Amino acid sequence: MDTDATLTSKGQTTIPKAIRDSLRMKPGDRMTFTLMPDGVVLMRVKNKHVSDLAGLLHKKGRKAVPIELLSR
């Protein structure tokens, strides 16, 4: 998906709506920008919360392990 944006005199820009919608971004989401050696900029959205991961590894029939018994 290619979209254009403009840089303001204050160094700000708006992330195009199509990109925001595709990434399910909402106000307050944080982003990380990484400049690659070839000049490409990677933007990663940090909009996942720890609570979103709850149950991700659950498998039917497996018993839950108390946090205290997990190895660190």
Protein backbone atom coordinates (compact mmCIF):
# COMPACT_ATOMS: atom_id res chain seq x y z
CA MET A 1 0.00 0.00 0.00
CA ASP A 2 1.51 3.31 -1.07
CA THR A 3 0.19 6.57 0.34
CA ASP A 4 1.66 10.05 0.56
CA ALA A 5 2.00 12.37 3.53
CA THR A 6 3.44 15.86 4.00
CA LEU A 7 5.93 17.00 6.63
CA THR A 8 4.97 20.23 8.39
CA SER A 9 7.37 23.01 9.37
CA LYS A 10 7.26 21.58 12.93
CA GLY A 11 8.47 18.17 11.71
CA GLN A 12 5.04 16.56 12.11
CA THR A 13 3.02 14.44 9.73
CA THR A 14 -0.29 12.62 9.71
CA ILE A 15 -0.38 8.88 9.21
CA PRO A 16 -2.83 8.34 6.34
CA LYS A 17 -6.23 6.94 7.36
CA ALA A 18 -5.85 3.81 5.23
CA ILE A 19 -2.64 2.95 7.11
CA ARG A 20 -4.15 3.74 10.54
CA ASP A 21 -7.18 1.59 9.76
CA SER A 22 -5.09 -1.30 8.43
CA LEU A 23 -2.94 -1.28 11.59
CA ARG A 24 -5.99 -0.75 13.82
CA MET A 25 -4.31 2.33 15.31
CA LYS A 26 -6.10 4.53 17.80
CA PRO A 27 -5.22 7.74 19.63
CA GLY A 28 -2.53 7.13 22.23
CA ASP A 29 -0.87 4.22 20.43
CA ARG A 30 2.93 4.36 20.51
CA MET A 31 5.24 3.78 17.56
CA THR A 32 8.90 2.94 17.10
CA PHE A 33 10.83 4.19 14.06
CA THR A 34 13.96 2.35 12.88
CA LEU A 35 16.22 3.82 10.20
CA MET A 36 17.78 1.04 8.13
CA PRO A 37 21.21 1.44 6.45
CA ASP A 38 19.59 1.67 3.01
CA GLY A 39 17.41 4.62 4.06
CA VAL A 40 14.22 2.62 4.58
CA VAL A 41 12.32 3.58 7.74
CA LEU A 42 10.43 0.87 9.61
CA MET A 43 7.52 1.97 11.78
CA ARG A 44 6.24 -0.48 14.36
CA VAL A 45 3.01 0.18 16.21
CA LYS A 46 2.95 -0.72 19.87
CA ASN A 47 -0.78 -1.09 20.41
CA LYS A 48 -0.83 -4.55 21.96
CA HIS A 49 -1.38 -4.81 25.68
CA VAL A 50 -0.30 -7.70 27.87
CA SER A 51 -3.95 -8.47 28.55
CA ASP A 52 -4.44 -9.05 24.78
CA LEU A 53 -2.11 -12.05 25.07
CA ALA A 54 -4.18 -13.80 27.75
CA GLY A 55 -5.10 -17.30 26.62
CA LEU A 56 -2.90 -17.16 23.54
CA LEU A 57 -1.05 -20.34 24.48
CA HIS A 58 -4.07 -22.18 25.91
CA LYS A 59 -4.62 -25.66 24.58
CA LYS A 60 -7.72 -27.69 25.22
CA GLY A 61 -7.16 -30.24 27.99
CA ARG A 62 -3.99 -28.60 29.31
CA LYS A 63 -4.04 -27.56 32.97
CA ALA A 64 -3.02 -24.03 33.86
CA VAL A 65 0.33 -23.63 35.65
CA PRO A 66 0.45 -21.17 38.54
CA ILE A 67 2.85 -18.27 37.99
CA GLU A 68 4.84 -19.28 41.06
CA LEU A 69 5.78 -22.60 39.42
CA LEU A 70 7.05 -21.08 36.18
CA SER A 71 10.84 -21.08 35.85
CA ARG A 72 12.49 -17.71 35.51
